[in-house]
Amino acid sequence: MKKNIVAIGGGGFDRNNSSYLIEKYILNISEKSCPKICFLPTATGDNDTYIARFYSIFTRLNCKPSHIEFFKRTTDINSHIMEQDIVFVGGGNTKSMIAIWNDWGMSQLLNNAYNEGVIMSGVSAGAICWFTRGITDSWDNELRILPCLDFIKGTCCPHYDEEPSRIPYVKKILIEKAITNCISIEGGAALHFIDGKPFKNVCFKNNKNSYNVFLNNNNDVVEEPFDYIQL
């Protein structure tokens, strides 16, 4: 049984100009004629507009969409998650999201589902949460390294080309030896992992990349792109 994670650097249905390309790609991984997909908008505090946008897109696609809220009456999360083919995690405050998940037991439940073959996916907070560590702006006025769920070993930075502070910060923490390398994903790109290993960079906008960023022997920053699929 293959284990799939699709980490989106930025874009998709959380932006009004979505082409639905990455959404369709994620649905197709399931190889189901009408897969069940559950949205977790926890990182925005279950923002109603974000939830409505999710349904406005996925009800147009061949799937069975649902969502789980933690700030209103909450469903039986165990039975609901384990019935899904796909989980999609939205963007927002990663630190708060993981704290809430841990309190509800959702972090362990997602791990159980992942190991049973449920596809994990998401954007921004929903991209970095699957890694050992993620680069986040969840608090204060600066980027930080946040411990995450550790489904995939390593550190991830989304919005790599979208926010001007990201590239310098990755360089800084590499030079300081805080990390040895960083999976950095541009907006309009997603990195598809199979069994914890990078499979393909999935471009749903033109010429958008994912990189393994590290220092070479001369302490120069190297951005090594992954093989890609252009949707």
C-alpha atoms as a PDB file:
ATOM      1  CA  MET A   1       0.000   0.000   0.000  1.00  0.00           C
ATOM      2  CA  LYS A   2       1.478   3.331  -1.080  1.00  0.00           C
ATOM      3  CA  LYS A   3       1.422   6.306   1.281  1.00  0.00           C
ATOM      4  CA  ASN A   4       0.925   9.666  -0.448  1.00  0.00           C
ATOM      5  CA  ILE A   5       1.417  13.248   0.684  1.00  0.00           C
ATOM      6  CA  VAL A   6       0.979  16.291  -1.581  1.00  0.00           C
ATOM      7  CA  ALA A   7       2.502  19.451  -0.076  1.00  0.00           C
ATOM      8  CA  ILE A   8       1.425  22.646  -1.870  1.00  0.00           C
ATOM      9  CA  GLY A   9       3.668  25.708  -1.592  1.00  0.00           C
ATOM     10  CA  GLY A  10       0.877  28.212  -2.233  1.00  0.00           C
ATOM     11  CA  GLY A  11      -2.180  28.686  -4.412  1.00  0.00           C
ATOM     12  CA  GLY A  12      -4.968  26.295  -5.282  1.00  0.00           C
ATOM     13  CA  PHE A  13      -8.562  26.768  -4.184  1.00  0.00           C
ATOM     14  CA  ASP A  14      -7.566  29.191  -1.414  1.00  0.00           C
ATOM     15  CA  ARG A  15      -6.917  31.699  -4.206  1.00  0.00           C
ATOM     16  CA  ASN A  16      -9.759  32.992  -6.347  1.00  0.00           C
ATOM     17  CA  ASN A  17      -7.904  32.321  -9.602  1.00  0.00           C
ATOM     18  CA  SER A  18      -7.544  28.586  -9.037  1.00  0.00           C
ATOM     19  CA  SER A  19      -7.591  26.467 -12.192  1.00  0.00           C
ATOM     20  CA  TYR A  20      -8.501  23.325 -10.171  1.00  0.00           C
ATOM     21  CA  LEU A  21      -5.465  21.557 -11.662  1.00  0.00           C
ATOM     22  CA  ILE A  22      -3.829  20.631  -8.363  1.00  0.00           C
ATOM     23  CA  GLU A  23      -7.181  19.719  -6.841  1.00  0.00           C
ATOM     24  CA  LYS A  24      -7.875  17.318  -9.716  1.00  0.00           C
ATOM     25  CA  TYR A  25      -4.367  15.879  -9.424  1.00  0.00           C
ATOM     26  CA  ILE A  26      -4.909  15.067  -5.742  1.00  0.00           C
ATOM     27  CA  LEU A  27      -8.291  13.476  -6.437  1.00  0.00           C
ATOM     28  CA  ASN A  28      -6.810  11.362  -9.228  1.00  0.00           C
ATOM     29  CA  ILE A  29      -4.161   9.871  -6.931  1.00  0.00           C
ATOM     30  CA  SER A  30      -6.903   7.998  -5.096  1.00  0.00           C
ATOM     31  CA  GLU A  31      -7.833   6.088  -8.262  1.00  0.00           C
ATOM     32  CA  LYS A  32     -11.436   6.181  -7.019  1.00  0.00           C
ATOM     33  CA  SER A  33     -14.292   7.180  -9.304  1.00  0.00           C
ATOM     34  CA  CYS A  34     -15.711   9.481  -6.618  1.00  0.00           C
ATOM     35  CA  PRO A  35     -13.263   9.810  -3.727  1.00  0.00           C
ATOM     36  CA  LYS A  36     -14.169  11.117  -0.292  1.00  0.00           C
ATOM     37  CA  ILE A  37     -12.153  14.207   0.620  1.00  0.00           C
ATOM     38  CA  CYS A  38     -12.226  15.890   4.032  1.00  0.00           C
ATOM     39  CA  PHE A  39     -11.141  19.501   4.549  1.00  0.00           C
ATOM     40  CA  LEU A  40      -9.481  20.556   7.819  1.00  0.00           C
ATOM     41  CA  PRO A  41      -9.671  24.377   8.115  1.00  0.00           C
ATOM     42  CA  THR A  42      -8.301  24.367  11.682  1.00  0.00           C
ATOM     43  CA  ALA A  43      -5.409  26.753  10.963  1.00  0.00           C
ATOM     44  CA  THR A  44      -7.855  29.585  10.179  1.00  0.00           C
ATOM     45  CA  GLY A  45     -10.017  28.860  13.217  1.00  0.00           C
ATOM     46  CA  ASP A  46     -12.527  27.131  10.915  1.00  0.00           C
ATOM     47  CA  ASN A  47     -13.106  30.293   8.905  1.00  0.00           C
ATOM     48  CA  ASP A  48     -16.550  30.147   7.294  1.00  0.00           C
ATOM     49  CA  THR A  49     -15.444  31.822   4.047  1.00  0.00           C
ATOM     50  CA  TYR A  50     -12.604  29.334   3.618  1.00  0.00           C
ATOM     51  CA  ILE A  51     -14.955  26.416   4.199  1.00  0.00           C
ATOM     52  CA  ALA A  52     -17.456  27.831   1.687  1.00  0.00           C
ATOM     53  CA  ARG A  53     -14.672  28.229  -0.887  1.00  0.00           C
ATOM     54  CA  PHE A  54     -13.667  24.597  -0.399  1.00  0.00           C
ATOM     55  CA  TYR A  55     -17.201  23.421  -1.143  1.00  0.00           C
ATOM     56  CA  SER A  56     -17.628  25.846  -4.043  1.00  0.00           C
ATOM     57  CA  ILE A  57     -14.678  24.156  -5.790  1.00  0.00           C
ATOM     58  CA  PHE A  58     -14.929  20.524  -4.775  1.00  0.00           C
ATOM     59  CA  THR A  59     -18.679  20.248  -5.401  1.00  0.00           C
ATOM     60  CA  ARG A  60     -17.822  20.971  -9.063  1.00  0.00           C
ATOM     61  CA  LEU A  61     -15.390  18.051  -9.131  1.00  0.00           C
ATOM     62  CA  ASN A  62     -16.108  14.342  -9.035  1.00  0.00           C
ATOM     63  CA  CYS A  63     -15.777  13.683  -5.313  1.00  0.00           C
ATOM     64  CA  LYS A  64     -17.611  13.618  -1.970  1.00  0.00           C
ATOM     65  CA  PRO A  65     -16.425  16.646   0.026  1.00  0.00           C
ATOM     66  CA  SER A  66     -16.793  17.102   3.773  1.00  0.00           C
ATOM     67  CA  HIS A  67     -15.060  19.002   6.555  1.00  0.00           C
ATOM     68  CA  ILE A  68     -14.324  18.826  10.268  1.00  0.00           C
ATOM     69  CA  GLU A  69     -14.630  21.813  12.599  1.00  0.00           C
ATOM     70  CA  PHE A  70     -13.172  22.125  16.095  1.00  0.00           C
ATOM     71  CA  PHE A  71     -14.635  25.508  17.025  1.00  0.00           C
ATOM     72  CA  LYS A  72     -18.279  24.427  16.786  1.00  0.00           C
ATOM     73  CA  ARG A  73     -19.869  21.083  17.566  1.00  0.00           C
ATOM     74  CA  THR A  74     -17.346  18.472  16.428  1.00  0.00           C
ATOM     75  CA  THR A  75     -18.215  15.203  14.713  1.00  0.00           C
ATOM     76  CA  ASP A  76     -16.764  11.788  15.626  1.00  0.00           C
ATOM     77  CA  ILE A  77     -13.355  12.529  14.143  1.00  0.00           C
ATOM     78  CA  ASN A  78     -12.072   8.955  14.315  1.00  0.00           C
ATOM     79  CA  SER A  79     -14.799   7.347  12.248  1.00  0.00           C
ATOM     80  CA  HIS A  80     -14.961  10.284   9.827  1.00  0.00           C
ATOM     81  CA  ILE A  81     -11.230  10.457   9.050  1.00  0.00           C
ATOM     82  CA  MET A  82     -10.815   6.715   8.681  1.00  0.00           C
ATOM     83  CA  GLU A  83     -13.658   6.664   6.112  1.00  0.00           C
ATOM     84  CA  GLN A  84     -11.904   9.198   3.867  1.00  0.00           C
ATOM     85  CA  ASP A  85      -9.790   8.670   0.765  1.00  0.00           C
ATOM     86  CA  ILE A  86      -8.126  12.095   1.045  1.00  0.00           C
ATOM     87  CA  VAL A  87      -7.509  14.698   3.742  1.00  0.00           C
ATOM     88  CA  PHE A  88      -6.833  18.297   2.687  1.00  0.00           C
ATOM     89  CA  VAL A  89      -5.426  20.701   5.296  1.00  0.00           C
ATOM     90  CA  GLY A  90      -5.851  24.423   4.758  1.00  0.00           C
ATOM     91  CA  GLY A  91      -3.437  27.259   5.416  1.00  0.00           C
ATOM     92  CA  GLY A  92      -3.218  29.559   8.417  1.00  0.00           C
ATOM     93  CA  ASN A  93      -1.569  29.367  11.832  1.00  0.00           C
ATOM     94  CA  THR A  94       0.345  26.068  11.932  1.00  0.00           C
ATOM     95  CA  LYS A  95       1.331  26.323  15.605  1.00  0.00           C
ATOM     96  CA  SER A  96      -2.259  26.782  16.778  1.00  0.00           C
ATOM     97  CA  MET A  97      -3.519  24.093  14.417  1.00  0.00           C
ATOM     98  CA  ILE A  98      -1.130  21.441  15.714  1.00  0.00           C
ATOM     99  CA  ALA A  99      -1.861  22.385  19.330  1.00  0.00           C
ATOM    100  CA  ILE A 100      -5.584  21.908  18.732  1.00  0.00           C
ATOM    101  CA  TRP A 101      -5.022  18.639  16.866  1.00  0.00           C
ATOM    102  CA  ASN A 102      -2.847  17.286  19.675  1.00  0.00           C
ATOM    103  CA  ASP A 103      -5.502  18.120  22.259  1.00  0.00           C
ATOM    104  CA  TRP A 104      -8.184  16.317  20.247  1.00  0.00           C
ATOM    105  CA  GLY A 105      -5.989  13.359  19.296  1.00  0.00           C
ATOM    106  CA  MET A 106      -6.195  14.334  15.628  1.00  0.00           C
ATOM    107  CA  SER A 107      -2.426  14.227  15.083  1.00  0.00           C
ATOM    108  CA  GLN A 108      -2.273  10.533  15.977  1.00  0.00           C
ATOM    109  CA  LEU A 109      -5.474   9.840  14.066  1.00  0.00           C
ATOM    110  CA  LEU A 110      -4.032  11.403  10.908  1.00  0.00           C
ATOM    111  CA  ASN A 111      -0.930   9.268  11.322  1.00  0.00           C
ATOM    112  CA  ASN A 112      -3.095   6.158  11.609  1.00  0.00           C
ATOM    113  CA  ALA A 113      -5.044   7.135   8.499  1.00  0.00           C
ATOM    114  CA  TYR A 114      -1.857   7.907   6.562  1.00  0.00           C
ATOM    115  CA  ASN A 115      -0.466   4.486   7.397  1.00  0.00           C
ATOM    116  CA  GLU A 116      -3.731   2.944   6.182  1.00  0.00           C
ATOM    117  CA  GLY A 117      -3.347   4.641   2.800  1.00  0.00           C
ATOM    118  CA  VAL A 118      -5.436   7.794   3.223  1.00  0.00           C
ATOM    119  CA  ILE A 119      -3.866  10.516   1.051  1.00  0.00           C
ATOM    120  CA  MET A 120      -2.658  13.554   3.003  1.00  0.00           C
ATOM    121  CA  SER A 121      -2.483  16.936   1.308  1.00  0.00           C
ATOM    122  CA  GLY A 122      -2.656  20.628   1.984  1.00  0.00           C
ATOM    123  CA  VAL A 123      -1.332  24.103   1.357  1.00  0.00           C
ATOM    124  CA  SER A 124       1.036  26.280   3.403  1.00  0.00           C
ATOM    125  CA  ALA A 125       0.310  25.173   6.998  1.00  0.00           C
ATOM    126  CA  GLY A 126      -1.221  22.122   5.357  1.00  0.00           C
ATOM    127  CA  ALA A 127       2.068  21.489   3.542  1.00  0.00           C
ATOM    128  CA  ILE A 128       4.586  21.905   6.350  1.00  0.00           C
ATOM    129  CA  CYS A 129       2.563  20.074   8.999  1.00  0.00           C
ATOM    130  CA  TRP A 130       3.569  16.669   7.576  1.00  0.00           C
ATOM    131  CA  PHE A 131       7.322  17.276   8.010  1.00  0.00           C
ATOM    132  CA  THR A 132       9.588  16.952  11.036  1.00  0.00           C
ATOM    133  CA  ARG A 133       9.858  20.751  11.026  1.00  0.00           C
ATOM    134  CA  GLY A 134       8.280  23.589   9.108  1.00  0.00           C
ATOM    135  CA  ILE A 135       9.214  27.210   8.520  1.00  0.00           C
ATOM    136  CA  THR A 136       6.321  29.346   9.667  1.00  0.00           C
ATOM    137  CA  ASP A 137       5.248  32.912  10.441  1.00  0.00           C
ATOM    138  CA  SER A 138       2.640  31.711  12.944  1.00  0.00           C
ATOM    139  CA  TRP A 139       3.779  34.097  15.696  1.00  0.00           C
ATOM    140  CA  ASP A 140       5.822  37.262  16.263  1.00  0.00           C
ATOM    141  CA  ASN A 141       7.061  39.218  13.265  1.00  0.00           C
ATOM    142  CA  GLU A 142       9.677  36.795  12.018  1.00  0.00           C
ATOM    143  CA  LEU A 143       9.950  33.343  10.544  1.00  0.00           C
ATOM    144  CA  ARG A 144      10.650  30.454  12.889  1.00  0.00           C
ATOM    145  CA  ILE A 145      11.274  26.717  12.765  1.00  0.00           C
ATOM    146  CA  LEU A 146       8.295  24.811  14.170  1.00  0.00           C
ATOM    147  CA  PRO A 147       8.231  21.129  15.197  1.00  0.00           C
ATOM    148  CA  CYS A 148       5.528  19.374  13.161  1.00  0.00           C
ATOM    149  CA  LEU A 149       4.044  15.882  12.742  1.00  0.00           C
ATOM    150  CA  ASP A 150       7.128  14.065  11.381  1.00  0.00           C
ATOM    151  CA  PHE A 151       5.339  11.952   8.748  1.00  0.00           C
ATOM    152  CA  ILE A 152       8.143  13.056   6.377  1.00  0.00           C
ATOM    153  CA  LYS A 153      11.674  13.510   7.689  1.00  0.00           C
ATOM    154  CA  GLY A 154      13.168  16.960   7.180  1.00  0.00           C
ATOM    155  CA  THR A 155      12.271  20.643   7.079  1.00  0.00           C
ATOM    156  CA  CYS A 156       9.830  22.330   4.681  1.00  0.00           C
ATOM    157  CA  CYS A 157       9.387  25.942   3.610  1.00  0.00           C
ATOM    158  CA  PRO A 158       6.285  26.924   1.582  1.00  0.00           C
ATOM    159  CA  HIS A 159       5.774  30.219  -0.304  1.00  0.00           C
ATOM    160  CA  TYR A 160       9.458  30.052  -1.217  1.00  0.00           C
ATOM    161  CA  ASP A 161       9.145  32.553  -4.066  1.00  0.00           C
ATOM    162  CA  GLU A 162       6.030  34.364  -2.854  1.00  0.00           C
ATOM    163  CA  GLU A 163       7.239  36.049   0.337  1.00  0.00           C
ATOM    164  CA  PRO A 164      10.528  37.997   0.239  1.00  0.00           C
ATOM    165  CA  SER A 165      11.670  36.894   3.693  1.00  0.00           C
ATOM    166  CA  ARG A 166      11.637  33.176   2.873  1.00  0.00           C
ATOM    167  CA  ILE A 167      14.782  32.730   0.737  1.00  0.00           C
ATOM    168  CA  PRO A 168      17.036  34.800   3.054  1.00  0.00           C
ATOM    169  CA  TYR A 169      15.704  32.949   6.104  1.00  0.00           C
ATOM    170  CA  VAL A 170      16.401  29.534   4.606  1.00  0.00           C
ATOM    171  CA  LYS A 171      19.946  30.681   3.758  1.00  0.00           C
ATOM    172  CA  LYS A 172      20.409  32.027   7.309  1.00  0.00           C
ATOM    173  CA  ILE A 173      19.398  28.825   9.100  1.00  0.00           C
ATOM    174  CA  LEU A 174      21.513  26.738   6.731  1.00  0.00           C
ATOM    175  CA  ILE A 175      24.582  28.867   7.459  1.00  0.00           C
ATOM    176  CA  GLU A 176      23.848  28.704  11.196  1.00  0.00           C
ATOM    177  CA  LYS A 177      23.652  24.886  10.911  1.00  0.00           C
ATOM    178  CA  ALA A 178      20.150  24.924  12.408  1.00  0.00           C
ATOM    179  CA  ILE A 179      19.190  22.567   9.566  1.00  0.00           C
ATOM    180  CA  THR A 180      21.183  20.621   6.974  1.00  0.00           C
ATOM    181  CA  ASN A 181      18.744  21.098   4.099  1.00  0.00           C
ATOM    182  CA  CYS A 182      15.286  22.459   3.374  1.00  0.00           C
ATOM    183  CA  ILE A 183      12.509  21.295   1.058  1.00  0.00           C
ATOM    184  CA  SER A 184      11.410  24.642  -0.388  1.00  0.00           C
ATOM    185  CA  ILE A 185       8.210  24.835  -2.439  1.00  0.00           C
ATOM    186  CA  GLU A 186       7.166  27.751  -4.607  1.00  0.00           C
ATOM    187  CA  GLY A 187       3.627  29.024  -4.977  1.00  0.00           C
ATOM    188  CA  GLY A 188       1.943  27.283  -7.883  1.00  0.00           C
ATOM    189  CA  ALA A 189       3.894  24.091  -7.180  1.00  0.00           C
ATOM    190  CA  ALA A 190       3.343  21.030  -5.030  1.00  0.00           C
ATOM    191  CA  LEU A 191       5.752  18.292  -4.042  1.00  0.00           C
ATOM    192  CA  HIS A 192       4.245  14.814  -4.201  1.00  0.00           C
ATOM    193  CA  PHE A 193       5.767  12.286  -1.806  1.00  0.00           C
ATOM    194  CA  ILE A 194       5.282   8.539  -2.048  1.00  0.00           C
ATOM    195  CA  ASP A 195       6.239   6.475   1.000  1.00  0.00           C
ATOM    196  CA  GLY A 196       8.032   9.484   2.481  1.00  0.00           C
ATOM    197  CA  LYS A 197      10.244  10.104  -0.560  1.00  0.00           C
ATOM    198  CA  PRO A 198       9.928  12.914  -3.138  1.00  0.00           C
ATOM    199  CA  PHE A 199       8.233  11.632  -6.290  1.00  0.00           C
ATOM    200  CA  LYS A 200       7.602  14.673  -8.485  1.00  0.00           C
ATOM    201  CA  ASN A 201       7.277  18.419  -8.297  1.00  0.00           C
ATOM    202  CA  VAL A 202       3.782  19.107  -9.616  1.00  0.00           C
ATOM    203  CA  CYS A 203       3.563  22.475 -11.428  1.00  0.00           C
ATOM    204  CA  PHE A 204       0.028  23.808 -11.646  1.00  0.00           C
ATOM    205  CA  LYS A 205       1.300  27.222 -12.750  1.00  0.00           C
ATOM    206  CA  ASN A 206       4.011  27.677 -15.356  1.00  0.00           C
ATOM    207  CA  ASN A 207       7.634  27.180 -14.320  1.00  0.00           C
ATOM    208  CA  LYS A 208       7.063  26.738 -10.587  1.00  0.00           C
ATOM    209  CA  ASN A 209       9.492  24.534  -8.724  1.00  0.00           C
ATOM    210  CA  SER A 210      10.291  22.674  -5.534  1.00  0.00           C
ATOM    211  CA  TYR A 211      13.896  22.477  -4.400  1.00  0.00           C
ATOM    212  CA  ASN A 212      16.164  20.679  -2.017  1.00  0.00           C
ATOM    213  CA  VAL A 213      18.141  23.644  -0.678  1.00  0.00           C
ATOM    214  CA  PHE A 214      21.500  23.035   1.011  1.00  0.00           C
ATOM    215  CA  LEU A 215      25.041  24.380   1.366  1.00  0.00           C
ATOM    216  CA  ASN A 216      27.821  22.939  -0.760  1.00  0.00           C
ATOM    217  CA  ASN A 217      31.419  22.503   0.410  1.00  0.00           C
ATOM    218  CA  ASN A 218      32.119  26.175  -0.332  1.00  0.00           C
ATOM    219  CA  ASN A 219      29.173  27.269   1.832  1.00  0.00           C
ATOM    220  CA  ASP A 220      27.276  28.406  -1.252  1.00  0.00           C
ATOM    221  CA  VAL A 221      23.510  27.898  -1.281  1.00  0.00           C
ATOM    222  CA  VAL A 222      22.441  25.256  -3.796  1.00  0.00           C
ATOM    223  CA  GLU A 223      18.832  24.998  -4.986  1.00  0.00           C
ATOM    224  CA  GLU A 224      18.469  21.539  -6.477  1.00  0.00           C
ATOM    225  CA  PRO A 225      15.123  21.206  -8.305  1.00  0.00           C
ATOM    226  CA  PHE A 226      13.101  18.022  -8.193  1.00  0.00           C
ATOM    227  CA  ASP A 227      11.867  16.243 -11.327  1.00  0.00           C
ATOM    228  CA  TYR A 228       8.575  17.754 -12.334  1.00  0.00           C
ATOM    229  CA  ILE A 229       5.200  17.254 -13.942  1.00  0.00           C
ATOM    230  CA  GLN A 230       3.599  20.273 -15.678  1.00  0.00           C
ATOM    231  CA  LEU A 231      -0.180  20.153 -15.382  1.00  0.00           C
END
